[in-house]
C-alpha atoms as a PDB file:
ATOM      1  CA  MET A   1     -54.018  22.414  15.133  1.00  0.00           C
ATOM      2  CA  HIS A   2     -52.353  23.211  11.827  1.00  0.00           C
ATOM      3  CA  LYS A   3     -49.236  25.316  11.971  1.00  0.00           C
ATOM      4  CA  PRO A   4     -49.488  28.749  10.340  1.00  0.00           C
ATOM      5  CA  ALA A   5     -48.016  28.853   6.845  1.00  0.00           C
ATOM      6  CA  ILE A   6     -45.556  31.342   5.411  1.00  0.00           C
ATOM      7  CA  ALA A   7     -45.382  31.619   1.620  1.00  0.00           C
ATOM      8  CA  PHE A   8     -42.074  32.692   0.139  1.00  0.00           C
ATOM      9  CA  ASP A   9     -41.347  33.938  -3.335  1.00  0.00           C
ATOM     10  CA  PHE A  10     -38.196  32.338  -4.805  1.00  0.00           C
ATOM     11  CA  ASP A  11     -36.258  34.586  -7.198  1.00  0.00           C
ATOM     12  CA  GLY A  12     -34.843  37.540  -5.288  1.00  0.00           C
ATOM     13  CA  THR A  13     -36.292  36.322  -1.989  1.00  0.00           C
ATOM     14  CA  ILE A  14     -34.591  32.981  -1.432  1.00  0.00           C
ATOM     15  CA  ILE A  15     -31.960  33.218  -4.160  1.00  0.00           C
ATOM     16  CA  ASP A  16     -29.915  36.107  -5.576  1.00  0.00           C
ATOM     17  CA  ILE A  17     -30.717  36.358  -9.292  1.00  0.00           C
ATOM     18  CA  SER A  18     -28.810  39.545 -10.071  1.00  0.00           C
ATOM     19  CA  ARG A  19     -25.857  37.863 -11.770  1.00  0.00           C
ATOM     20  CA  ARG A  20     -28.107  35.631 -13.874  1.00  0.00           C
ATOM     21  CA  ASP A  21     -30.185  38.591 -15.009  1.00  0.00           C
ATOM     22  CA  TYR A  22     -27.062  40.550 -15.894  1.00  0.00           C
ATOM     23  CA  ALA A  23     -25.354  37.632 -17.661  1.00  0.00           C
ATOM     24  CA  VAL A  24     -28.321  37.173 -20.007  1.00  0.00           C
ATOM     25  CA  TYR A  25     -28.381  40.902 -20.751  1.00  0.00           C
ATOM     26  CA  HIS A  26     -24.592  41.064 -21.229  1.00  0.00           C
ATOM     27  CA  ASP A  27     -24.466  38.103 -23.622  1.00  0.00           C
ATOM     28  CA  LEU A  28     -27.362  39.407 -25.685  1.00  0.00           C
ATOM     29  CA  MET A  29     -25.707  42.799 -25.973  1.00  0.00           C
ATOM     30  CA  GLN A  30     -22.710  41.039 -27.494  1.00  0.00           C
ATOM     31  CA  ASP A  31     -24.913  39.074 -29.894  1.00  0.00           C
ATOM     32  CA  LEU A  32     -26.830  42.194 -30.940  1.00  0.00           C
ATOM     33  CA  SER A  33     -23.761  44.448 -31.283  1.00  0.00           C
ATOM     34  CA  GLY A  34     -24.802  46.570 -28.348  1.00  0.00           C
ATOM     35  CA  SER A  35     -22.649  47.899 -25.529  1.00  0.00           C
ATOM     36  CA  ALA A  36     -23.481  46.360 -22.149  1.00  0.00           C
ATOM     37  CA  LEU A  37     -23.713  48.735 -19.215  1.00  0.00           C
ATOM     38  CA  PRO A  38     -21.552  47.837 -16.199  1.00  0.00           C
ATOM     39  CA  PHE A  39     -23.319  45.707 -13.598  1.00  0.00           C
ATOM     40  CA  GLY A  40     -23.143  48.581 -11.119  1.00  0.00           C
ATOM     41  CA  ILE A  41     -25.265  50.732 -13.432  1.00  0.00           C
ATOM     42  CA  TYR A  42     -27.511  48.062 -14.929  1.00  0.00           C
ATOM     43  CA  TRP A  43     -28.726  46.372 -11.746  1.00  0.00           C
ATOM     44  CA  PRO A  44     -29.754  49.554  -9.879  1.00  0.00           C
ATOM     45  CA  MET A  45     -31.729  50.545 -12.981  1.00  0.00           C
ATOM     46  CA  ARG A  46     -33.487  47.183 -12.954  1.00  0.00           C
ATOM     47  CA  ARG A  47     -34.233  47.563  -9.243  1.00  0.00           C
ATOM     48  CA  LYS A  48     -35.814  50.954  -9.877  1.00  0.00           C
ATOM     49  CA  ARG A  49     -38.102  49.296 -12.433  1.00  0.00           C
ATOM     50  CA  THR A  50     -36.533  51.295 -15.265  1.00  0.00           C
ATOM     51  CA  ASN A  51     -38.257  50.626 -18.577  1.00  0.00           C
ATOM     52  CA  ILE A  52     -36.243  48.008 -20.463  1.00  0.00           C
ATOM     53  CA  HIS A  53     -36.408  50.151 -23.608  1.00  0.00           C
ATOM     54  CA  LEU A  54     -34.492  52.892 -21.788  1.00  0.00           C
ATOM     55  CA  ILE A  55     -31.866  50.411 -20.600  1.00  0.00           C
ATOM     56  CA  LEU A  56     -31.496  49.098 -24.137  1.00  0.00           C
ATOM     57  CA  ALA A  57     -31.268  52.617 -25.563  1.00  0.00           C
ATOM     58  CA  ARG A  58     -28.403  53.363 -23.190  1.00  0.00           C
ATOM     59  CA  SER A  59     -26.837  50.128 -24.393  1.00  0.00           C
ATOM     60  CA  GLY A  60     -26.978  51.169 -28.035  1.00  0.00           C
ATOM     61  CA  ILE A  61     -30.081  49.161 -28.927  1.00  0.00           C
ATOM     62  CA  ALA A  62     -32.864  51.467 -30.097  1.00  0.00           C
ATOM     63  CA  ASP A  63     -34.266  49.908 -33.274  1.00  0.00           C
ATOM     64  CA  LYS A  64     -37.451  47.885 -33.012  1.00  0.00           C
ATOM     65  CA  GLU A  65     -36.016  44.738 -34.621  1.00  0.00           C
ATOM     66  CA  ARG A  66     -33.159  44.306 -32.166  1.00  0.00           C
ATOM     67  CA  ILE A  67     -35.358  45.263 -29.203  1.00  0.00           C
ATOM     68  CA  ASN A  68     -37.815  42.507 -30.141  1.00  0.00           C
ATOM     69  CA  ILE A  69     -34.995  40.005 -30.580  1.00  0.00           C
ATOM     70  CA  PHE A  70     -33.631  40.925 -27.163  1.00  0.00           C
ATOM     71  CA  LEU A  71     -37.001  40.518 -25.457  1.00  0.00           C
ATOM     72  CA  GLN A  72     -37.685  37.173 -27.132  1.00  0.00           C
ATOM     73  CA  GLN A  73     -34.211  35.806 -26.453  1.00  0.00           C
ATOM     74  CA  ARG A  74     -34.181  36.997 -22.847  1.00  0.00           C
ATOM     75  CA  ALA A  75     -37.463  35.206 -22.186  1.00  0.00           C
ATOM     76  CA  SER A  76     -36.081  31.968 -23.634  1.00  0.00           C
ATOM     77  CA  LEU A  77     -32.688  32.173 -21.908  1.00  0.00           C
ATOM     78  CA  ILE A  78     -33.521  33.424 -18.421  1.00  0.00           C
ATOM     79  CA  GLU A  79     -34.315  29.899 -17.181  1.00  0.00           C
ATOM     80  CA  ASP A  80     -31.581  28.146 -19.173  1.00  0.00           C
ATOM     81  CA  VAL A  81     -29.227  26.064 -17.035  1.00  0.00           C
ATOM     82  CA  LYS A  82     -26.309  28.009 -18.534  1.00  0.00           C
ATOM     83  CA  TYR A  83     -27.595  31.053 -16.634  1.00  0.00           C
ATOM     84  CA  LEU A  84     -29.307  29.438 -13.647  1.00  0.00           C
ATOM     85  CA  VAL A  85     -25.867  28.439 -12.368  1.00  0.00           C
ATOM     86  CA  PHE A  86     -25.193  32.127 -11.640  1.00  0.00           C
ATOM     87  CA  ASP A  87     -27.826  32.091  -8.866  1.00  0.00           C
ATOM     88  CA  THR A  88     -26.809  31.733  -5.228  1.00  0.00           C
ATOM     89  CA  VAL A  89     -28.776  31.268  -2.030  1.00  0.00           C
ATOM     90  CA  ILE A  90     -29.019  34.542  -0.124  1.00  0.00           C
ATOM     91  CA  PRO A  91     -26.885  34.269   3.049  1.00  0.00           C
ATOM     92  CA  GLY A  92     -28.726  33.280   6.207  1.00  0.00           C
ATOM     93  CA  VAL A  93     -32.034  32.570   4.470  1.00  0.00           C
ATOM     94  CA  VAL A  94     -32.075  28.790   4.863  1.00  0.00           C
ATOM     95  CA  ASN A  95     -30.999  28.860   8.512  1.00  0.00           C
ATOM     96  CA  THR A  96     -33.661  31.451   9.322  1.00  0.00           C
ATOM     97  CA  ILE A  97     -36.410  29.383   7.709  1.00  0.00           C
ATOM     98  CA  LYS A  98     -35.263  26.172   9.374  1.00  0.00           C
ATOM     99  CA  LEU A  99     -35.048  27.840  12.791  1.00  0.00           C
ATOM    100  CA  ASN A 100     -38.730  28.757  12.512  1.00  0.00           C
ATOM    101  CA  SER A 101     -39.967  25.564  10.836  1.00  0.00           C
ATOM    102  CA  SER A 102     -40.884  23.953  14.161  1.00  0.00           C
ATOM    103  CA  TRP A 103     -43.855  26.286  14.530  1.00  0.00           C
ATOM    104  CA  VAL A 104     -44.589  27.458  10.955  1.00  0.00           C
ATOM    105  CA  THR A 105     -44.959  25.728   7.601  1.00  0.00           C
ATOM    106  CA  PRO A 106     -42.734  27.263   4.901  1.00  0.00           C
ATOM    107  CA  CYS A 107     -44.064  27.076   1.333  1.00  0.00           C
ATOM    108  CA  LEU A 108     -42.658  28.288  -1.964  1.00  0.00           C
ATOM    109  CA  VAL A 109     -44.795  30.144  -4.517  1.00  0.00           C
ATOM    110  CA  THR A 110     -42.801  31.020  -7.612  1.00  0.00           C
ATOM    111  CA  THR A 111     -43.444  32.213 -11.149  1.00  0.00           C
ATOM    112  CA  ARG A 112     -41.321  29.929 -13.299  1.00  0.00           C
ATOM    113  CA  HIS A 113     -42.077  28.487 -16.731  1.00  0.00           C
ATOM    114  CA  ASP A 114     -39.753  25.480 -16.726  1.00  0.00           C
ATOM    115  CA  VAL A 115     -40.787  23.277 -13.806  1.00  0.00           C
ATOM    116  CA  LYS A 116     -38.127  20.645 -14.501  1.00  0.00           C
ATOM    117  CA  ARG A 117     -35.327  23.195 -14.363  1.00  0.00           C
ATOM    118  CA  LEU A 118     -36.802  24.740 -11.229  1.00  0.00           C
ATOM    119  CA  HIS A 119     -36.651  21.418  -9.395  1.00  0.00           C
ATOM    120  CA  TRP A 120     -33.155  20.816 -10.771  1.00  0.00           C
ATOM    121  CA  GLN A 121     -32.025  24.167  -9.391  1.00  0.00           C
ATOM    122  CA  ILE A 122     -33.665  23.602  -6.019  1.00  0.00           C
ATOM    123  CA  GLY A 123     -31.729  20.353  -5.761  1.00  0.00           C
ATOM    124  CA  GLU A 124     -28.456  21.907  -6.910  1.00  0.00           C
ATOM    125  CA  LEU A 125     -28.779  24.666  -4.310  1.00  0.00           C
ATOM    126  CA  GLY A 126     -29.525  22.196  -1.507  1.00  0.00           C
ATOM    127  CA  LEU A 127     -33.070  23.439  -0.925  1.00  0.00           C
ATOM    128  CA  ASN A 128     -34.962  20.164  -1.329  1.00  0.00           C
ATOM    129  CA  ASN A 129     -35.975  19.871   2.326  1.00  0.00           C
ATOM    130  CA  VAL A 130     -36.637  23.528   3.101  1.00  0.00           C
ATOM    131  CA  PHE A 131     -40.239  23.917   1.874  1.00  0.00           C
ATOM    132  CA  ARG A 132     -43.305  21.779   2.487  1.00  0.00           C
ATOM    133  CA  ASP A 133     -44.957  22.686  -0.813  1.00  0.00           C
ATOM    134  CA  ILE A 134     -43.780  24.213  -4.070  1.00  0.00           C
ATOM    135  CA  ILE A 135     -46.461  25.999  -6.088  1.00  0.00           C
ATOM    136  CA  ILE A 136     -45.811  27.167  -9.644  1.00  0.00           C
ATOM    137  CA  ALA A 137     -47.664  30.446 -10.118  1.00  0.00           C
ATOM    138  CA  GLY A 138     -48.808  32.481 -13.085  1.00  0.00           C
ATOM    139  CA  LYS A 139     -48.177  36.188 -13.527  1.00  0.00           C
ATOM    140  CA  ASP A 140     -51.046  37.071 -11.174  1.00  0.00           C
ATOM    141  CA  LYS A 141     -49.911  35.295  -8.026  1.00  0.00           C
ATOM    142  CA  THR A 142     -52.977  36.079  -5.923  1.00  0.00           C
ATOM    143  CA  LYS A 143     -54.907  32.892  -6.703  1.00  0.00           C
ATOM    144  CA  TYR A 144     -51.805  30.781  -6.219  1.00  0.00           C
ATOM    145  CA  TYR A 145     -51.045  32.225  -2.810  1.00  0.00           C
ATOM    146  CA  SER A 146     -54.672  31.578  -1.901  1.00  0.00           C
ATOM    147  CA  LYS A 147     -54.054  27.844  -2.410  1.00  0.00           C
ATOM    148  CA  VAL A 148     -51.714  27.732   0.596  1.00  0.00           C
ATOM    149  CA  SER A 149     -53.703  26.419   3.546  1.00  0.00           C
ATOM    150  CA  ASN A 150     -53.639  28.422   6.783  1.00  0.00           C
ATOM    151  CA  LEU A 151     -51.548  31.133   5.113  1.00  0.00           C
ATOM    152  CA  LYS A 152     -50.607  33.901   7.555  1.00  0.00           C
ATOM    153  CA  LEU A 153     -47.670  35.679   5.904  1.00  0.00           C
ATOM    154  CA  ILE A 154     -46.319  36.354   2.401  1.00  0.00           C
ATOM    155  CA  VAL A 155     -42.657  37.218   1.863  1.00  0.00           C
ATOM    156  CA  GLY A 156     -41.450  38.510  -1.491  1.00  0.00           C
ATOM    157  CA  ASP A 157     -39.314  41.046  -3.317  1.00  0.00           C
ATOM    158  CA  THR A 158     -41.763  42.509  -5.847  1.00  0.00           C
ATOM    159  CA  GLU A 159     -45.143  44.167  -6.140  1.00  0.00           C
ATOM    160  CA  ASN A 160     -46.562  40.876  -7.432  1.00  0.00           C
ATOM    161  CA  ASP A 161     -46.137  39.386  -3.958  1.00  0.00           C
ATOM    162  CA  ILE A 162     -47.162  42.430  -1.931  1.00  0.00           C
ATOM    163  CA  ASP A 163     -50.202  43.210  -4.091  1.00  0.00           C
ATOM    164  CA  ALA A 164     -51.343  39.597  -3.716  1.00  0.00           C
ATOM    165  CA  ALA A 165     -50.999  39.808   0.066  1.00  0.00           C
ATOM    166  CA  ASN A 166     -52.961  43.058   0.170  1.00  0.00           C
ATOM    167  CA  THR A 167     -55.723  41.592  -1.994  1.00  0.00           C
ATOM    168  CA  LEU A 168     -55.979  38.533   0.250  1.00  0.00           C
ATOM    169  CA  GLY A 169     -55.803  40.568   3.453  1.00  0.00           C
ATOM    170  CA  ILE A 170     -52.637  38.798   4.587  1.00  0.00           C
ATOM    171  CA  THR A 171     -49.629  40.367   6.273  1.00  0.00           C
ATOM    172  CA  SER A 172     -46.660  40.862   3.964  1.00  0.00           C
ATOM    173  CA  VAL A 173     -42.927  41.392   4.273  1.00  0.00           C
ATOM    174  CA  ALA A 174     -41.071  42.950   1.354  1.00  0.00           C
ATOM    175  CA  VAL A 175     -37.383  42.064   1.179  1.00  0.00           C
ATOM    176  CA  LEU A 176     -34.759  44.233  -0.492  1.00  0.00           C
ATOM    177  CA  SER A 177     -32.608  41.328  -1.649  1.00  0.00           C
ATOM    178  CA  GLY A 178     -34.225  41.162  -5.083  1.00  0.00           C
ATOM    179  CA  ILE A 179     -35.210  43.167  -8.127  1.00  0.00           C
ATOM    180  CA  ARG A 180     -36.956  46.079  -6.389  1.00  0.00           C
ATOM    181  CA  ASP A 181     -35.344  48.758  -4.251  1.00  0.00           C
ATOM    182  CA  ALA A 182     -36.975  50.301  -1.180  1.00  0.00           C
ATOM    183  CA  ASP A 183     -38.501  53.269  -2.998  1.00  0.00           C
ATOM    184  CA  ILE A 184     -40.253  51.066  -5.550  1.00  0.00           C
ATOM    185  CA  ILE A 185     -41.448  48.313  -3.209  1.00  0.00           C
ATOM    186  CA  ARG A 186     -42.758  50.881  -0.730  1.00  0.00           C
ATOM    187  CA  LEU A 187     -45.312  51.979  -3.345  1.00  0.00           C
ATOM    188  CA  SER A 188     -47.087  48.636  -2.890  1.00  0.00           C
ATOM    189  CA  CYS A 189     -47.604  49.266   0.829  1.00  0.00           C
ATOM    190  CA  PRO A 190     -46.091  46.134   2.363  1.00  0.00           C
ATOM    191  CA  GLY A 191     -46.707  45.455   6.029  1.00  0.00           C
ATOM    192  CA  PHE A 192     -42.981  45.371   6.707  1.00  0.00           C
ATOM    193  CA  ILE A 193     -39.756  45.957   4.785  1.00  0.00           C
ATOM    194  CA  GLU A 194     -36.600  43.992   5.610  1.00  0.00           C
ATOM    195  CA  GLU A 195     -33.169  43.673   4.033  1.00  0.00           C
ATOM    196  CA  SER A 196     -33.614  39.924   3.503  1.00  0.00           C
ATOM    197  CA  VAL A 197     -35.389  36.874   4.868  1.00  0.00           C
ATOM    198  CA  ALA A 198     -32.428  36.431   7.212  1.00  0.00           C
ATOM    199  CA  SER A 199     -33.265  39.685   9.022  1.00  0.00           C
ATOM    200  CA  ILE A 200     -36.969  38.930   9.591  1.00  0.00           C
ATOM    201  CA  ASP A 201     -38.136  38.405  13.170  1.00  0.00           C
ATOM    202  CA  PHE A 202     -40.951  36.004  12.302  1.00  0.00           C
ATOM    203  CA  PRO A 203     -42.346  35.528  15.841  1.00  0.00           C
ATOM    204  CA  ARG A 204     -42.645  39.300  16.334  1.00  0.00           C
ATOM    205  CA  ILE A 205     -44.302  39.915  12.973  1.00  0.00           C
ATOM    206  CA  MET A 206     -46.751  37.050  13.199  1.00  0.00           C
ATOM    207  CA  LYS A 207     -47.884  37.998  16.706  1.00  0.00           C
ATOM    208  CA  GLN A 208     -49.001  41.455  15.532  1.00  0.00           C
END
């Protein structure tokens, strides 16, 4: 009998991306003669899904030309090695996954554009032997999650993961370690909400 599979999102679920996200924003504010908000203001705004135009306006960037430059540059820099090095593995996540890997199959389903840099980062963070499969997803993750055989649970930090689980009729756990706070992620109606992967009681959830 095949073991049940758990599909994990990567950014915000397995790794903390907050410092990378902020570093890209901060550096671009310098380049564009803006005024970067402190991390303690910026990141909660991001987690509340605040429109990026409002964040930029508060940073002194309101003209269309500089907004477009910011958006284009952020997209090109967010997976640059210069910024990927800011990411860290969320405490307790790897141990929790490994403790349950005797009876479940952990898989990674992530939306990344640069596959080579993704695999480089996975190696740098010591995650090479944590997941059975690594699936590179598009913006709509539903069809990519559906490729995971015997999938019983989806764990992620955004509506993209929870909406996919709901569409597929699969139990979901939303974690608060990423780019959505509890109020925002609750709108997607996850099956469960946990602080991080490390706090999930997988046997209890998967028996329900």
